[in-house]
């Protein structure tokens, strides 16, 4: 009898092990590899790393392409993860809340008594929770200004400078995504955590999870084989010395590998624990995943994560973009799987990582993955071609201006208001309109150096636009210079 019981127990353990192995084996890794290689070719991604977790285990890790340093990408290759960093900041905030050191519903002023913002709305009503779920009322542009200016100010200096920025909405009433929310959280954590922000992330998240290829400074990342970020120049990815802002670490500049990120996803899927490390309570994880304010339909921003209903289940996700890097993280607490994709390429018009992550998730669920839309790549190439053609035509026009236009004006000067307007005033006005829009109207309207921001991701487009604007300015001024003596001496009464 005892032998039979023992035999049954052994058989059950064997079947349990076989079932776990089957769970891992259900992922068609060959299909995943083919899909990713196809997407990399379409989007011209130099290097990509993939991690998949399922039922509490890391089941697939793979690197594709090159780091840009002459090495192949592998699961340990570090990448800048962009705004996926926000979820780490949210975890740190929740840890401090569970230690009763941070009250999520307390006013921000309780931790930063000097904090102030301009405008008609009461900043004293802004709470820590509002920062976490992006309902503080801080405008989107405020979070981009730091990137556009490539600011070297300290984090506190950046937050103090908000006194000149007006709140867009009353705190707690509307969702407005802004990096500034998480930079403020980073400063609060830095002040109340024993080890500061970086020390807390390292000692309370990275170390317990064994995240040995995750870093909090660019220097540490580069010293440990961080991939080179790439931006496109005329359609081809080129390695560049990417922007890295220490004052925006909490919002978008944590560095990690897919192997480490799989361990991190598993605390979200494992109710706060993984590998015998208790990072958060089950209630804390549930609160992190709870939506704060409805975005649209069934999509909601939670705490450093987006919670979205899809096909009867909840998907938790976030993507990230920093100069030269793009990341996508998606997982399902209900179905117990997760995907992380890190790439060393990014453009504001082309952000392939989340699309690839969603495609891999389709394969996990037994569906056919959809290719990333090529629309934005087509738009990018279309805009680039239009700009280059306009530059070429403008240069040609400049060469021909004195030979044709000025000569015709001199031989047959326009008489009366409408001929003068049509042959001189209107062309000059249109030529000066382009530099006016590019150098004055659009940057002033955006409230920050918008072209400097886009130049981080699409330098070929922005530099081409600047060249075109300068040429158009010169053309308008030169047309005026060529025409003025003719009008002055032959038709002074018109002028």
Protein backbone atom coordinates (compact mmCIF):
# COMPACT_ATOMS: atom_id res chain seq x y z
CA UNK A 1 0.00 0.00 0.00
CA UNK A 2 2.76 2.41 0.97
CA UNK A 3 4.58 1.51 -2.26
CA UNK A 4 1.46 2.34 -4.30
CA UNK A 5 1.01 5.69 -2.53
CA UNK A 6 4.66 6.52 -3.14
CA UNK A 7 4.33 5.50 -6.78
CA UNK A 8 1.24 7.70 -7.21
CA UNK A 9 3.03 10.66 -5.62
CA UNK A 10 6.05 10.19 -7.90
CA UNK A 11 3.75 9.92 -10.92
CA UNK A 12 1.89 13.08 -9.95
CA UNK A 13 5.17 14.98 -9.51
CA UNK A 14 6.34 13.73 -12.89
CA UNK A 15 3.09 14.84 -14.53
CA UNK A 16 3.32 18.22 -12.84
CA UNK A 17 6.83 18.65 -14.17
CA UNK A 18 5.72 17.50 -17.62
CA UNK A 19 2.86 20.00 -17.55
CA UNK A 20 5.24 22.85 -16.66
CA UNK A 21 7.53 21.81 -19.47
CA UNK A 22 4.56 21.66 -21.82
CA UNK A 23 3.56 25.19 -20.82
CA UNK A 24 6.97 26.39 -21.92
CA UNK A 25 6.95 24.23 -25.02
CA UNK A 26 3.64 25.59 -26.32
CA UNK A 27 5.45 28.70 -27.52
CA UNK A 28 6.53 28.20 -31.11
CA UNK A 29 9.97 29.77 -30.81
CA UNK A 30 10.80 29.10 -34.46
CA UNK A 31 7.75 31.13 -35.47
CA UNK A 32 8.72 33.85 -32.99
CA UNK A 33 12.23 34.06 -34.46
CA UNK A 34 10.93 34.23 -38.03
CA UNK A 35 8.44 36.94 -37.10
CA UNK A 36 11.01 39.09 -35.31
CA UNK A 37 13.62 38.74 -38.05
CA UNK A 38 11.00 39.81 -40.58
CA UNK A 39 9.99 42.84 -38.50
CA UNK A 40 13.61 43.85 -37.96
CA UNK A 41 14.20 43.77 -41.70
CA UNK A 42 11.09 45.82 -42.44
CA UNK A 43 11.89 48.47 -39.80
CA UNK A 44 15.68 48.24 -40.25
CA UNK A 45 16.23 47.58 -36.54
CA UNK A 46 19.96 46.98 -35.89
CA UNK A 47 19.52 44.99 -32.68
CA UNK A 48 16.67 43.55 -30.64
CA UNK A 49 16.35 41.47 -27.48
CA UNK A 50 13.31 39.42 -26.54
CA UNK A 51 12.16 37.88 -23.28
CA UNK A 52 9.06 35.76 -22.63
CA UNK A 53 7.70 34.60 -19.29
CA UNK A 54 4.94 32.06 -18.76
CA UNK A 55 3.38 30.56 -15.62
CA UNK A 56 5.99 31.97 -13.27
CA UNK A 57 9.09 31.08 -15.32
CA UNK A 58 11.33 32.70 -17.89
CA UNK A 59 10.69 30.47 -20.90
CA UNK A 60 12.47 32.19 -23.79
CA UNK A 61 15.35 34.64 -24.06
CA UNK A 62 16.89 35.61 -27.38
CA UNK A 63 19.01 38.31 -28.94
CA UNK A 64 18.90 39.34 -32.59
CA UNK A 65 21.16 41.56 -34.65
CA UNK A 66 24.04 43.68 -33.39
CA UNK A 67 24.65 46.05 -30.51
CA UNK A 68 26.39 48.58 -32.73
CA UNK A 69 29.68 47.88 -30.98
CA UNK A 70 30.65 44.91 -33.14
CA UNK A 71 28.94 42.43 -30.81
CA UNK A 72 25.80 40.35 -31.18
CA UNK A 73 22.82 41.25 -28.99
CA UNK A 74 22.17 38.67 -26.27
CA UNK A 75 19.68 38.45 -23.39
CA UNK A 76 22.17 40.16 -21.06
CA UNK A 77 22.75 43.19 -23.32
CA UNK A 78 21.67 46.40 -21.52
CA UNK A 79 19.40 48.92 -23.27
CA UNK A 80 17.94 52.24 -22.16
CA UNK A 81 14.30 51.31 -21.52
CA UNK A 82 12.72 54.78 -21.79
CA UNK A 83 9.35 55.30 -20.14
CA UNK A 84 9.16 51.69 -18.94
CA UNK A 85 11.33 53.22 -16.19
CA UNK A 86 8.15 54.81 -14.81
CA UNK A 87 6.90 51.43 -13.60
CA UNK A 88 10.06 51.03 -11.47
CA UNK A 89 9.42 54.45 -9.94
CA UNK A 90 5.84 53.42 -9.21
CA UNK A 91 7.03 50.18 -7.54
CA UNK A 92 9.47 52.18 -5.40
CA UNK A 93 6.68 54.58 -4.37
CA UNK A 94 4.42 51.65 -3.46
CA UNK A 95 7.21 50.02 -1.42
CA UNK A 96 7.64 53.23 0.58
CA UNK A 97 3.88 53.46 1.01
CA UNK A 98 3.81 49.93 2.42
CA UNK A 99 6.56 50.96 4.83
CA UNK A 100 4.34 53.90 5.94
CA UNK A 101 6.98 56.34 4.75
CA UNK A 102 4.96 57.71 1.85
CA UNK A 103 1.25 58.57 1.86
CA UNK A 104 -0.05 58.26 -1.70
CA UNK A 105 -2.99 60.56 -0.93
CA UNK A 106 -0.93 63.23 0.80
CA UNK A 107 -0.33 66.54 -0.97
CA UNK A 108 2.93 66.88 -2.86
CA UNK A 109 3.57 69.93 -0.68
CA UNK A 110 3.89 67.65 2.34
CA UNK A 111 7.13 66.29 0.85
CA UNK A 112 8.20 69.33 -1.20
CA UNK A 113 7.00 72.36 0.83
CA UNK A 114 8.54 74.78 -1.68
CA UNK A 115 6.80 73.24 -4.71
CA UNK A 116 4.75 75.69 -6.75
CA UNK A 117 3.29 76.14 -10.23
CA UNK A 118 1.72 79.06 -12.04
CA UNK A 119 -1.84 79.42 -13.28
CA UNK A 120 -5.32 79.56 -11.81
CA UNK A 121 -5.47 76.06 -10.33
CA UNK A 122 -4.60 75.20 -6.74
CA UNK A 123 -1.33 73.26 -6.62
CA UNK A 124 -1.92 72.39 -2.95
CA UNK A 125 -4.55 69.89 -4.07
CA UNK A 126 -2.03 67.86 -6.08
CA UNK A 127 -1.32 64.50 -4.39
CA UNK A 128 1.31 61.82 -4.86
CA UNK A 129 -1.37 59.56 -6.35
CA UNK A 130 -2.16 62.20 -8.97
CA UNK A 131 1.48 62.04 -10.05
CA UNK A 132 1.39 58.24 -10.25
CA UNK A 133 -1.72 58.06 -12.44
CA UNK A 134 -0.84 61.19 -14.46
CA UNK A 135 -3.80 63.33 -13.35
CA UNK A 136 -1.82 66.11 -11.67
CA UNK A 137 -2.75 68.66 -14.34
CA UNK A 138 0.89 69.22 -15.30
CA UNK A 139 1.05 69.79 -19.07
CA UNK A 140 2.55 67.32 -21.53
CA UNK A 141 4.99 69.92 -22.85
CA UNK A 142 6.56 70.43 -19.42
CA UNK A 143 7.93 66.91 -19.55
CA UNK A 144 9.38 67.38 -23.01
CA UNK A 145 11.13 70.69 -22.38
CA UNK A 146 13.84 68.98 -20.32
CA UNK A 147 14.56 66.57 -23.19
CA UNK A 148 14.47 69.32 -25.82
CA UNK A 149 16.85 71.53 -23.86
CA UNK A 150 19.14 68.59 -23.04
CA UNK A 151 19.12 70.07 -19.55
CA UNK A 152 22.06 69.54 -17.24
CA UNK A 153 20.25 71.05 -14.24
CA UNK A 154 19.82 68.98 -11.12
CA UNK A 155 16.47 67.27 -10.60
CA UNK A 156 15.54 69.72 -7.85
CA UNK A 157 16.42 72.69 -10.07
CA UNK A 158 14.18 71.28 -12.80
CA UNK A 159 11.27 70.87 -10.37
CA UNK A 160 11.75 74.33 -8.87
CA UNK A 161 11.64 75.82 -12.37
CA UNK A 162 8.02 74.63 -12.65
CA UNK A 163 6.98 77.75 -10.76
CA UNK A 164 6.85 79.43 -14.18
CA UNK A 165 4.72 76.66 -15.75
CA UNK A 166 0.92 76.79 -15.50
CA UNK A 167 -1.17 73.77 -14.59
CA UNK A 168 -3.31 72.69 -17.54
CA UNK A 169 -6.17 71.26 -15.44
CA UNK A 170 -7.20 71.13 -11.79
CA UNK A 171 -5.37 68.27 -10.04
CA UNK A 172 -7.26 64.97 -10.16
CA UNK A 173 -9.71 65.83 -12.92
CA UNK A 174 -8.04 64.90 -16.23
CA UNK A 175 -5.41 62.51 -17.51
CA UNK A 176 -2.43 64.28 -19.11
CA UNK A 177 0.71 62.22 -19.69
CA UNK A 178 3.83 64.10 -18.63
CA UNK A 179 7.34 62.96 -17.76
CA UNK A 180 7.36 65.70 -15.14
CA UNK A 181 4.95 63.70 -12.94
CA UNK A 182 7.52 60.96 -12.56
CA UNK A 183 10.45 63.32 -12.19
CA UNK A 184 8.64 64.86 -9.19
CA UNK A 185 8.06 61.36 -7.83
CA UNK A 186 11.75 60.64 -8.32
CA UNK A 187 12.68 63.68 -6.25
CA UNK A 188 10.23 62.75 -3.47
CA UNK A 189 11.62 59.20 -3.33
CA UNK A 190 15.15 60.56 -3.38
CA UNK A 191 14.37 62.68 -0.32
CA UNK A 192 12.54 60.11 1.82
CA UNK A 193 14.27 56.81 0.94
CA UNK A 194 17.28 55.95 3.09
CA UNK A 195 19.50 55.34 0.07
CA UNK A 196 18.00 58.01 -2.21
CA UNK A 197 16.23 57.17 -5.46
CA UNK A 198 19.06 55.30 -7.18
CA UNK A 199 20.05 53.44 -4.04
CA UNK A 200 16.47 52.39 -3.41
CA UNK A 201 15.98 51.04 -6.95
CA UNK A 202 19.30 49.18 -6.73
CA UNK A 203 18.90 47.74 -3.24
CA UNK A 204 15.14 47.15 -3.09
CA UNK A 205 14.46 46.02 -6.68
CA UNK A 206 17.56 45.21 -8.74
CA UNK A 207 19.54 43.30 -6.10
CA UNK A 208 16.71 41.16 -4.66
CA UNK A 209 15.66 40.17 -8.19
CA UNK A 210 19.22 39.40 -9.29
CA UNK A 211 19.09 42.10 -11.98
CA UNK A 212 22.84 42.16 -12.57
CA UNK A 213 22.65 43.82 -16.00
CA UNK A 214 20.55 46.78 -14.93
CA UNK A 215 22.09 50.19 -14.28
CA UNK A 216 21.26 53.70 -13.18
CA UNK A 217 23.97 55.69 -14.93
CA UNK A 218 25.06 55.81 -18.56
CA UNK A 219 28.67 55.22 -17.52
CA UNK A 220 27.79 51.97 -15.75
CA UNK A 221 25.70 50.85 -18.70
CA UNK A 222 28.44 51.54 -21.24
CA UNK A 223 31.07 49.88 -19.06
CA UNK A 224 28.91 46.74 -19.09
CA UNK A 225 28.25 46.45 -22.82
CA UNK A 226 25.19 48.66 -23.30
CA UNK A 227 23.99 48.61 -26.90
CA UNK A 228 24.57 51.70 -29.02
CA UNK A 229 21.44 53.68 -29.78
CA UNK A 230 20.61 54.30 -33.45
CA UNK A 231 18.68 57.00 -35.28
CA UNK A 232 17.88 57.06 -38.98
CA UNK A 233 19.79 59.19 -41.43
CA UNK A 234 18.12 59.19 -44.85
CA UNK A 235 16.46 55.86 -44.17
CA UNK A 236 19.40 54.02 -42.60
CA UNK A 237 20.05 53.48 -38.86
CA UNK A 238 23.25 55.13 -37.66
CA UNK A 239 24.83 54.65 -34.22
CA UNK A 240 24.96 57.86 -32.23
CA UNK A 241 26.13 59.17 -28.87
CA UNK A 242 22.65 59.25 -27.35
CA UNK A 243 21.18 61.70 -24.90
CA UNK A 244 21.14 60.56 -21.27
CA UNK A 245 19.58 62.77 -18.59
CA UNK A 246 20.37 61.99 -14.96
CA UNK A 247 17.64 64.46 -13.94
CA UNK A 248 15.01 62.34 -15.74
CA UNK A 249 16.12 58.91 -14.51
CA UNK A 250 12.80 58.22 -12.78
CA UNK A 251 10.80 59.01 -15.92
CA UNK A 252 12.82 57.39 -18.67
CA UNK A 253 16.50 56.56 -18.32
CA UNK A 254 16.82 53.28 -16.41
CA UNK A 255 19.04 50.76 -18.23
CA UNK A 256 18.23 47.04 -18.25
CA UNK A 257 18.42 43.77 -20.19
CA UNK A 258 15.56 41.47 -21.27
CA UNK A 259 16.74 38.77 -18.87
CA UNK A 260 16.50 41.22 -15.97
CA UNK A 261 13.22 42.63 -17.22
CA UNK A 262 11.72 39.13 -17.25
CA UNK A 263 12.56 38.82 -13.55
CA UNK A 264 10.95 42.21 -13.03
CA UNK A 265 7.77 41.23 -14.91
CA UNK A 266 7.47 38.13 -12.76
CA UNK A 267 6.98 40.19 -9.59
CA UNK A 268 3.95 41.73 -11.32
CA UNK A 269 2.71 38.30 -12.32
CA UNK A 270 3.69 36.67 -9.02
CA UNK A 271 1.72 39.01 -6.77
CA UNK A 272 4.79 40.90 -5.67
CA UNK A 273 7.19 38.00 -5.17
CA UNK A 274 9.70 36.20 -7.35
CA UNK A 275 12.62 33.89 -6.67
CA UNK A 276 11.98 34.00 -2.90
CA UNK A 277 12.15 37.81 -2.92
CA UNK A 278 9.16 39.75 -1.61
CA UNK A 279 9.19 43.06 -3.44
CA UNK A 280 5.60 44.14 -2.81
CA UNK A 281 2.45 42.83 -1.20
CA UNK A 282 -0.28 41.32 -3.33
CA UNK A 283 -2.47 44.32 -2.51
CA UNK A 284 0.32 46.69 -3.54
CA UNK A 285 0.66 45.03 -6.95
CA UNK A 286 -3.11 45.12 -7.44
CA UNK A 287 -3.11 48.84 -6.68
CA UNK A 288 -0.28 49.44 -9.15
CA UNK A 289 -2.37 47.78 -11.86
CA UNK A 290 -5.58 49.67 -11.00
CA UNK A 291 -6.55 52.38 -13.50
CA UNK A 292 -6.56 55.93 -12.28
CA UNK A 293 -8.46 57.86 -14.94
CA UNK A 294 -10.21 56.62 -18.08
CA UNK A 295 -8.24 57.48 -21.21
CA UNK A 296 -10.61 56.30 -23.90
CA UNK A 297 -13.00 53.39 -24.08
CA UNK A 298 -11.34 50.47 -22.25
CA UNK A 299 -7.81 51.87 -21.95
CA UNK A 300 -6.65 53.26 -18.63
CA UNK A 301 -3.43 54.59 -17.14
CA UNK A 302 -2.57 52.88 -13.87
CA UNK A 303 0.62 53.55 -11.87
CA UNK A 304 3.48 53.69 -14.35
CA UNK A 305 1.58 51.17 -16.46
CA UNK A 306 -1.37 51.09 -18.84
CA UNK A 307 -4.21 48.64 -18.08
CA UNK A 308 -6.20 47.68 -21.15
CA UNK A 309 -9.11 45.29 -21.59
CA UNK A 310 -8.72 43.05 -24.63
CA UNK A 311 -10.74 39.95 -25.54
CA UNK A 312 -12.09 39.53 -22.04
CA UNK A 313 -8.76 39.81 -20.25
CA UNK A 314 -6.66 42.62 -18.82
CA UNK A 315 -3.35 43.46 -20.43
CA UNK A 316 -0.81 45.54 -18.54
CA UNK A 317 1.70 47.35 -20.71
CA UNK A 318 3.96 50.32 -21.28
CA UNK A 319 6.33 51.34 -24.02
CA UNK A 320 9.37 53.56 -23.83
CA UNK A 321 11.44 55.71 -26.16
CA UNK A 322 14.72 57.49 -25.56
CA UNK A 323 17.04 58.75 -28.26
CA UNK A 324 18.18 55.65 -30.16
CA UNK A 325 16.21 53.16 -28.00
CA UNK A 326 12.67 51.78 -27.98
CA UNK A 327 11.10 49.27 -25.60
CA UNK A 328 7.77 47.49 -25.22
CA UNK A 329 6.54 45.53 -22.20
CA UNK A 330 3.22 43.70 -22.02
CA UNK A 331 1.89 41.04 -19.64
CA UNK A 332 -1.34 39.41 -18.57
CA UNK A 333 -1.82 38.78 -14.83
CA UNK A 334 -4.87 36.64 -15.59
CA UNK A 335 -3.26 34.42 -18.23
CA UNK A 336 0.20 34.53 -16.60
CA UNK A 337 2.39 35.39 -19.58
CA UNK A 338 4.54 38.39 -20.41
CA UNK A 339 6.72 39.76 -23.22
CA UNK A 340 9.52 42.31 -23.17
CA UNK A 341 11.14 43.70 -26.32
CA UNK A 342 14.14 46.04 -26.27
CA UNK A 343 15.61 47.65 -29.41
CA UNK A 344 18.55 49.94 -30.11
CA UNK A 345 16.58 52.05 -32.60
CA UNK A 346 13.86 54.66 -32.15
CA UNK A 347 12.20 57.51 -33.99
CA UNK A 348 9.17 59.54 -32.98
CA UNK A 349 7.50 58.41 -36.20
CA UNK A 350 8.70 54.83 -35.85
CA UNK A 351 8.42 53.01 -32.51
CA UNK A 352 8.43 49.30 -33.39
CA UNK A 353 9.03 47.63 -30.01
CA UNK A 354 5.46 47.55 -28.69
CA UNK A 355 4.13 46.38 -32.05
CA UNK A 356 6.64 43.52 -32.02
CA UNK A 357 5.73 42.67 -28.40
CA UNK A 358 2.05 42.53 -29.33
CA UNK A 359 2.90 40.32 -32.31
CA UNK A 360 4.81 37.90 -30.07
CA UNK A 361 1.88 37.88 -27.64
CA UNK A 362 -0.36 36.84 -30.53
CA UNK A 363 1.95 33.89 -31.20
CA UNK A 364 1.85 32.93 -27.52
CA UNK A 365 -1.95 32.90 -27.70
CA UNK A 366 -1.91 30.80 -30.88
CA UNK A 367 -2.87 33.61 -33.26
CA UNK A 368 -1.18 34.89 -36.38
CA UNK A 369 0.92 37.96 -35.56
CA UNK A 370 0.26 41.14 -37.48
CA UNK A 371 3.18 42.99 -39.00
CA UNK A 372 3.87 46.46 -37.71
CA UNK A 373 2.18 49.04 -39.87
CA UNK A 374 4.55 50.49 -42.43
CA UNK A 375 2.48 53.68 -42.55
CA UNK A 376 4.80 55.69 -40.32
CA UNK A 377 7.86 54.50 -42.24
CA UNK A 378 6.15 55.57 -45.46
CA UNK A 379 5.26 58.94 -43.89
CA UNK A 380 8.86 59.39 -42.74
CA UNK A 381 10.26 58.59 -46.19
CA UNK A 382 7.60 60.73 -47.87
CA UNK A 383 8.37 63.76 -45.70
CA UNK A 384 12.10 63.27 -46.22
CA UNK A 385 11.74 63.06 -50.01
CA UNK A 386 9.47 66.14 -50.09
CA UNK A 387 11.97 68.15 -48.03
CA UNK A 388 14.92 67.12 -50.21
CA UNK A 389 13.01 67.90 -53.41
CA UNK A 390 11.98 71.31 -52.03
CA UNK A 391 15.59 72.05 -51.09
CA UNK A 392 16.76 71.13 -54.58
CA UNK A 393 14.02 73.24 -56.22
CA UNK A 394 14.76 76.19 -53.92
CA UNK A 395 18.48 76.05 -54.75
CA UNK A 396 17.64 75.93 -58.45
CA UNK A 397 15.24 78.84 -58.02
CA UNK A 398 17.91 80.87 -56.24
CA UNK A 399 20.29 80.31 -59.13
CA UNK A 400 17.64 81.28 -61.68
CA UNK A 401 16.19 84.23 -59.72
CA UNK A 402 18.45 86.96 -61.15
CA UNK A 403 18.58 85.34 -64.58
CA UNK A 404 14.85 84.91 -65.14
CA UNK A 405 12.58 86.50 -62.57
CA UNK A 406 14.53 89.74 -62.04
CA UNK A 407 15.19 90.08 -65.76
CA UNK A 408 11.47 89.70 -66.57
CA UNK A 409 10.54 92.22 -63.87
CA UNK A 410 13.07 94.66 -65.28
CA UNK A 411 11.87 94.22 -68.86
CA UNK A 412 8.17 94.25 -67.99
CA UNK A 413 7.62 95.90 -64.59
CA UNK A 414 4.18 95.23 -63.04
CA UNK A 415 1.87 98.24 -63.00
CA UNK A 416 -0.72 98.80 -60.30
CA UNK A 417 -1.44 97.19 -56.96
CA UNK A 418 -2.59 93.73 -58.05
CA UNK A 419 0.24 93.05 -60.52
CA UNK A 420 2.79 94.18 -57.92
CA UNK A 421 1.08 92.05 -55.27
CA UNK A 422 0.90 88.98 -57.48
CA UNK A 423 4.42 89.13 -58.95
CA UNK A 424 6.33 90.40 -55.92
CA UNK A 425 4.49 90.75 -52.59
CA UNK A 426 2.83 87.30 -52.67
CA UNK A 427 5.99 85.32 -53.63
CA UNK A 428 8.07 87.12 -51.01
CA UNK A 429 5.35 86.63 -48.39
CA UNK A 430 5.12 82.89 -49.05
CA UNK A 431 8.91 82.53 -48.97
CA UNK A 432 9.18 84.36 -45.65
CA UNK A 433 6.23 82.41 -44.22
CA UNK A 434 8.24 79.17 -44.07
CA UNK A 435 11.08 80.51 -41.84
CA UNK A 436 8.50 82.41 -39.77
CA UNK A 437 6.61 79.18 -39.04
CA UNK A 438 9.73 77.08 -38.48
CA UNK A 439 11.79 79.46 -36.35
CA UNK A 440 9.12 81.49 -34.53
CA UNK A 441 5.47 80.47 -34.67
CA UNK A 442 5.69 76.70 -34.08
CA UNK A 443 8.35 76.78 -31.29
CA UNK A 444 6.53 79.61 -29.49
CA UNK A 445 3.20 77.82 -29.84
CA UNK A 446 4.65 74.54 -28.52
CA UNK A 447 6.15 76.29 -25.52
CA UNK A 448 9.50 74.55 -25.84
CA UNK A 449 12.21 73.91 -28.40
CA UNK A 450 10.13 71.44 -30.37
CA UNK A 451 12.60 71.08 -33.24
CA UNK A 452 15.47 70.25 -30.87
CA UNK A 453 13.34 67.46 -29.42
CA UNK A 454 12.46 65.97 -32.81
CA UNK A 455 16.08 66.36 -33.93
CA UNK A 456 17.01 63.77 -31.29
CA UNK A 457 14.93 61.17 -33.12
CA UNK A 458 14.83 62.40 -36.73
CA UNK A 459 17.89 64.58 -37.31
CA UNK A 460 17.71 64.17 -41.08
CA UNK A 461 14.15 65.54 -41.21
CA UNK A 462 14.80 68.46 -38.87
CA UNK A 463 18.12 69.52 -40.37
CA UNK A 464 16.57 69.32 -43.84
CA UNK A 465 13.67 71.48 -42.61
CA UNK A 466 16.08 74.03 -41.15
CA UNK A 467 18.09 74.14 -44.38
CA UNK A 468 14.89 74.66 -46.38
CA UNK A 469 13.72 77.45 -44.04
CA UNK A 470 17.08 79.26 -44.27
CA UNK A 471 17.10 78.95 -48.05
CA UNK A 472 13.53 80.28 -48.24
CA UNK A 473 14.47 83.20 -45.99
CA UNK A 474 17.45 84.01 -48.17
CA UNK A 475 15.31 83.65 -51.31
CA UNK A 476 12.68 86.07 -50.01
CA UNK A 477 15.28 88.62 -48.99
CA UNK A 478 17.19 88.26 -52.24
CA UNK A 479 14.01 88.62 -54.30
CA UNK A 480 13.31 91.83 -52.38
CA UNK A 481 16.86 93.05 -52.98
CA UNK A 482 16.64 92.36 -56.72
CA UNK A 483 13.22 93.96 -57.12
CA UNK A 484 13.52 97.00 -54.89
CA UNK A 485 15.80 99.09 -57.17
CA UNK A 486 13.54 98.36 -60.15
CA UNK A 487 10.39 99.52 -58.36
CA UNK A 488 12.14 102.42 -56.74
CA UNK A 489 13.64 103.96 -59.83
CA UNK A 490 11.00 103.08 -62.43
CA UNK A 491 7.80 103.15 -60.39
CA UNK A 492 8.59 105.09 -57.28
CA UNK A 493 5.01 106.28 -57.07
CA UNK A 494 3.85 102.70 -56.55
CA UNK A 495 6.20 102.22 -53.61
